[in-house]
Amino acid sequence: MSSVLAGMTTVSGAINSAISGSGSILSATVIADAKTADNALITIISVFEALLGISSTHAPVRARMTRDMVFVGAANPATGMTEAKALAILGVK
């Protein structure tokens, strides 16, 4: 499972790099959509980490989700998204 998380983290990093390096090439709408998708991915990564008891390397301690937060459907402190919202944004049904 950790290789899946590593892959998802790599994708998140690639999205961030693309956003940062795009300059004025991308429209504000495309950048906003990319940031929303990245936040959704970060939320899902945090959910997996919380359920597996893995310490996150991409979020400060105060922004980490806990198992209890996942079980009650709480929003990720770092992104403000719930798991359900993140999955919907990513098109997972």
N, C-alpha and C. Protein backbone atom coordinates (compact mmCIF):
# COMPACT_ATOMS: atom_id res chain seq x y z
N MET A 1 0.82 -1.19 0.00
CA MET A 1 0.00 0.00 0.00
C MET A 1 0.87 1.26 0.00
N SER A 2 2.04 1.21 0.62
CA SER A 2 2.86 2.41 0.67
C SER A 2 3.33 2.83 -0.72
N SER A 3 3.46 1.88 -1.66
CA SER A 3 3.84 2.28 -3.02
C SER A 3 2.70 3.04 -3.70
N VAL A 4 1.45 2.72 -3.35
CA VAL A 4 0.32 3.48 -3.88
C VAL A 4 0.36 4.90 -3.34
N LEU A 5 0.60 5.04 -2.04
CA LEU A 5 0.70 6.37 -1.45
C LEU A 5 1.86 7.15 -2.05
N ALA A 6 2.96 6.47 -2.27
CA ALA A 6 4.12 7.15 -2.87
C ALA A 6 3.78 7.63 -4.27
N GLY A 7 3.07 6.81 -5.02
CA GLY A 7 2.65 7.21 -6.37
C GLY A 7 1.71 8.39 -6.35
N MET A 8 0.75 8.37 -5.41
CA MET A 8 -0.20 9.48 -5.30
C MET A 8 0.53 10.76 -4.88
N THR A 9 1.49 10.63 -3.99
CA THR A 9 2.27 11.78 -3.56
C THR A 9 3.09 12.33 -4.72
N THR A 10 3.63 11.45 -5.55
CA THR A 10 4.38 11.87 -6.73
C THR A 10 3.48 12.65 -7.69
N VAL A 11 2.27 12.17 -7.89
CA VAL A 11 1.32 12.87 -8.77
C VAL A 11 1.01 14.25 -8.20
N SER A 12 0.78 14.31 -6.90
CA SER A 12 0.51 15.60 -6.26
C SER A 12 1.68 16.56 -6.46
N GLY A 13 2.89 16.06 -6.29
CA GLY A 13 4.07 16.90 -6.50
C GLY A 13 4.17 17.38 -7.94
N ALA A 14 3.83 16.51 -8.89
CA ALA A 14 3.87 16.89 -10.30
C ALA A 14 2.83 17.97 -10.61
N ILE A 15 1.66 17.85 -10.01
CA ILE A 15 0.63 18.88 -10.20
C ILE A 15 1.13 20.21 -9.66
N ASN A 16 1.71 20.19 -8.46
CA ASN A 16 2.25 21.42 -7.87
C ASN A 16 3.34 22.03 -8.73
N SER A 17 4.21 21.20 -9.26
CA SER A 17 5.29 21.70 -10.12
C SER A 17 4.73 22.31 -11.40
N ALA A 18 3.71 21.67 -11.96
CA ALA A 18 3.10 22.20 -13.18
C ALA A 18 2.42 23.54 -12.91
N ILE A 19 1.75 23.64 -11.78
CA ILE A 19 1.10 24.90 -11.42
C ILE A 19 2.15 25.99 -11.24
N SER A 20 3.19 25.67 -10.50
CA SER A 20 4.25 26.66 -10.22
C SER A 20 4.99 27.09 -11.48
N GLY A 21 5.22 26.15 -12.36
CA GLY A 21 6.00 26.45 -13.56
C GLY A 21 5.20 26.96 -14.73
N SER A 22 3.89 27.03 -14.60
CA SER A 22 3.07 27.40 -15.75
C SER A 22 3.11 28.88 -16.08
N GLY A 23 3.43 29.70 -15.09
CA GLY A 23 3.46 31.14 -15.33
C GLY A 23 2.12 31.63 -15.84
N SER A 24 2.13 32.35 -16.94
CA SER A 24 0.89 32.88 -17.51
C SER A 24 0.35 32.03 -18.64
N ILE A 25 0.94 30.86 -18.84
CA ILE A 25 0.51 29.98 -19.94
C ILE A 25 -0.90 29.45 -19.69
N LEU A 26 -1.20 29.10 -18.44
CA LEU A 26 -2.50 28.54 -18.11
C LEU A 26 -3.44 29.64 -17.63
N SER A 27 -4.71 29.45 -17.94
CA SER A 27 -5.71 30.42 -17.49
C SER A 27 -5.92 30.28 -15.99
N ALA A 28 -6.50 31.30 -15.40
CA ALA A 28 -6.79 31.27 -13.96
C ALA A 28 -7.73 30.13 -13.63
N THR A 29 -8.66 29.83 -14.52
CA THR A 29 -9.61 28.74 -14.29
C THR A 29 -8.90 27.39 -14.26
N VAL A 30 -7.99 27.19 -15.20
CA VAL A 30 -7.25 25.92 -15.25
C VAL A 30 -6.38 25.77 -14.01
N ILE A 31 -5.73 26.85 -13.60
CA ILE A 31 -4.90 26.80 -12.39
C ILE A 31 -5.76 26.50 -11.16
N ALA A 32 -6.91 27.14 -11.06
CA ALA A 32 -7.81 26.90 -9.92
C ALA A 32 -8.28 25.45 -9.91
N ASP A 33 -8.62 24.92 -11.08
CA ASP A 33 -9.05 23.52 -11.16
C ASP A 33 -7.92 22.57 -10.76
N ALA A 34 -6.71 22.88 -11.18
CA ALA A 34 -5.55 22.04 -10.84
C ALA A 34 -5.29 22.07 -9.34
N LYS A 35 -5.41 23.26 -8.74
CA LYS A 35 -5.22 23.37 -7.30
C LYS A 35 -6.30 22.60 -6.54
N THR A 36 -7.54 22.66 -7.03
CA THR A 36 -8.63 21.91 -6.40
C THR A 36 -8.38 20.41 -6.50
N ALA A 37 -7.95 19.95 -7.67
CA ALA A 37 -7.64 18.53 -7.85
C ALA A 37 -6.49 18.10 -6.94
N ASP A 38 -5.48 18.96 -6.82
CA ASP A 38 -4.35 18.65 -5.95
C ASP A 38 -4.79 18.58 -4.49
N ASN A 39 -5.63 19.51 -4.06
CA ASN A 39 -6.15 19.45 -2.68
C ASN A 39 -6.98 18.20 -2.45
N ALA A 40 -7.74 17.79 -3.45
CA ALA A 40 -8.52 16.56 -3.32
C ALA A 40 -7.59 15.36 -3.19
N LEU A 41 -6.55 15.33 -3.98
CA LEU A 41 -5.58 14.23 -3.90
C LEU A 41 -4.87 14.22 -2.55
N ILE A 42 -4.48 15.40 -2.07
CA ILE A 42 -3.84 15.49 -0.76
C ILE A 42 -4.79 14.98 0.33
N THR A 43 -6.06 15.30 0.20
CA THR A 43 -7.05 14.83 1.18
C THR A 43 -7.12 13.31 1.18
N ILE A 44 -7.19 12.71 0.00
CA ILE A 44 -7.27 11.24 -0.09
C ILE A 44 -6.00 10.59 0.45
N ILE A 45 -4.84 11.17 0.15
CA ILE A 45 -3.59 10.66 0.70
C ILE A 45 -3.65 10.70 2.22
N SER A 46 -4.13 11.81 2.77
CA SER A 46 -4.23 11.95 4.23
C SER A 46 -5.18 10.93 4.84
N VAL A 47 -6.25 10.63 4.13
CA VAL A 47 -7.20 9.62 4.61
C VAL A 47 -6.51 8.26 4.70
N PHE A 48 -5.82 7.87 3.62
CA PHE A 48 -5.10 6.60 3.64
C PHE A 48 -4.05 6.56 4.75
N GLU A 49 -3.30 7.64 4.88
CA GLU A 49 -2.27 7.69 5.92
C GLU A 49 -2.89 7.54 7.30
N ALA A 50 -4.00 8.22 7.54
CA ALA A 50 -4.66 8.13 8.85
C ALA A 50 -5.14 6.71 9.12
N LEU A 51 -5.74 6.10 8.12
CA LEU A 51 -6.26 4.74 8.32
C LEU A 51 -5.15 3.72 8.50
N LEU A 52 -4.01 3.95 7.86
CA LEU A 52 -2.89 3.02 7.97
C LEU A 52 -1.96 3.36 9.13
N GLY A 53 -2.17 4.51 9.76
CA GLY A 53 -1.31 4.92 10.87
C GLY A 53 0.06 5.35 10.42
N ILE A 54 0.15 5.91 9.22
CA ILE A 54 1.43 6.37 8.66
C ILE A 54 1.56 7.86 8.92
N SER A 55 2.73 8.30 9.34
CA SER A 55 2.97 9.73 9.53
C SER A 55 3.17 10.38 8.18
N SER A 56 2.47 11.46 7.97
CA SER A 56 2.56 12.20 6.72
C SER A 56 3.87 12.96 6.63
N THR A 57 4.42 12.99 5.44
CA THR A 57 5.63 13.78 5.22
C THR A 57 5.30 15.09 4.53
N HIS A 58 4.05 15.24 4.08
CA HIS A 58 3.70 16.45 3.34
C HIS A 58 2.81 17.41 4.12
N ALA A 59 2.46 17.06 5.33
CA ALA A 59 1.59 17.94 6.11
C ALA A 59 2.17 18.14 7.51
N PRO A 60 2.07 19.36 8.01
CA PRO A 60 2.51 19.57 9.40
C PRO A 60 1.63 18.79 10.36
N VAL A 61 2.13 18.53 11.54
CA VAL A 61 1.41 17.71 12.52
C VAL A 61 0.01 18.24 12.75
N ARG A 62 -0.16 19.54 12.88
CA ARG A 62 -1.48 20.10 13.17
C ARG A 62 -2.45 19.93 11.99
N ALA A 63 -1.94 19.63 10.80
CA ALA A 63 -2.80 19.50 9.63
C ALA A 63 -3.07 18.04 9.25
N ARG A 64 -2.59 17.11 10.05
CA ARG A 64 -2.78 15.69 9.74
C ARG A 64 -4.16 15.22 10.16
N MET A 65 -4.69 14.32 9.39
CA MET A 65 -5.95 13.70 9.75
C MET A 65 -5.68 12.53 10.69
N THR A 66 -6.65 12.24 11.51
CA THR A 66 -6.57 11.07 12.39
C THR A 66 -7.62 10.08 11.94
N ARG A 67 -7.51 8.85 12.44
CA ARG A 67 -8.51 7.83 12.12
C ARG A 67 -9.90 8.29 12.55
N ASP A 68 -9.98 8.89 13.74
CA ASP A 68 -11.28 9.35 14.23
C ASP A 68 -11.88 10.39 13.30
N MET A 69 -11.04 11.28 12.78
CA MET A 69 -11.53 12.29 11.85
C MET A 69 -12.09 11.64 10.59
N VAL A 70 -11.40 10.62 10.09
CA VAL A 70 -11.87 9.91 8.89
C VAL A 70 -13.20 9.24 9.17
N PHE A 71 -13.30 8.57 10.32
CA PHE A 71 -14.52 7.81 10.63
C PHE A 71 -15.75 8.69 10.80
N VAL A 72 -15.56 9.95 11.24
CA VAL A 72 -16.72 10.83 11.40
C VAL A 72 -16.95 11.72 10.18
N GLY A 73 -16.10 11.60 9.18
CA GLY A 73 -16.27 12.38 7.96
C GLY A 73 -15.82 13.83 8.09
N ALA A 74 -14.87 14.07 9.00
CA ALA A 74 -14.37 15.44 9.20
C ALA A 74 -13.54 15.89 8.01
N ALA A 75 -13.45 17.19 7.84
CA ALA A 75 -12.64 17.76 6.77
C ALA A 75 -11.16 17.69 7.13
N ASN A 76 -10.35 17.56 6.11
CA ASN A 76 -8.90 17.61 6.28
C ASN A 76 -8.53 19.03 6.70
N PRO A 77 -7.78 19.19 7.80
CA PRO A 77 -7.42 20.54 8.25
C PRO A 77 -6.59 21.32 7.23
N ALA A 78 -5.79 20.64 6.43
CA ALA A 78 -4.92 21.32 5.48
C ALA A 78 -5.66 21.78 4.23
N THR A 79 -6.70 21.05 3.83
CA THR A 79 -7.38 21.37 2.57
C THR A 79 -8.81 21.84 2.76
N GLY A 80 -9.39 21.55 3.93
CA GLY A 80 -10.78 21.90 4.17
C GLY A 80 -11.77 20.99 3.48
N MET A 81 -11.30 19.88 2.93
CA MET A 81 -12.17 18.95 2.20
C MET A 81 -12.42 17.69 3.01
N THR A 82 -13.64 17.19 2.86
CA THR A 82 -13.94 15.87 3.42
C THR A 82 -13.52 14.82 2.40
N GLU A 83 -13.45 13.59 2.85
CA GLU A 83 -13.13 12.49 1.95
C GLU A 83 -14.16 12.41 0.82
N ALA A 84 -15.43 12.53 1.16
CA ALA A 84 -16.50 12.45 0.16
C ALA A 84 -16.36 13.54 -0.90
N LYS A 85 -16.07 14.76 -0.47
CA LYS A 85 -15.89 15.88 -1.41
C LYS A 85 -14.69 15.63 -2.31
N ALA A 86 -13.59 15.17 -1.72
CA ALA A 86 -12.37 14.90 -2.50
C ALA A 86 -12.62 13.82 -3.54
N LEU A 87 -13.29 12.76 -3.15
CA LEU A 87 -13.59 11.68 -4.09
C LEU A 87 -14.48 12.17 -5.23
N ALA A 88 -15.45 13.02 -4.90
CA ALA A 88 -16.35 13.57 -5.92
C ALA A 88 -15.56 14.44 -6.91
N ILE A 89 -14.66 15.26 -6.40
CA ILE A 89 -13.84 16.12 -7.26
C ILE A 89 -12.99 15.29 -8.20
N LEU A 90 -12.47 14.18 -7.68
CA LEU A 90 -11.61 13.31 -8.49
C LEU A 90 -12.41 12.37 -9.39
N GLY A 91 -13.73 12.45 -9.30
CA GLY A 91 -14.58 11.64 -10.19
C GLY A 91 -14.77 10.21 -9.74
N VAL A 92 -14.50 9.92 -8.48
CA VAL A 92 -14.67 8.57 -7.96
C VAL A 92 -16.09 8.44 -7.45
N LYS A 93 -16.77 7.41 -7.91
CA LYS A 93 -18.18 7.20 -7.50
C LYS A 93 -18.33 5.96 -6.69
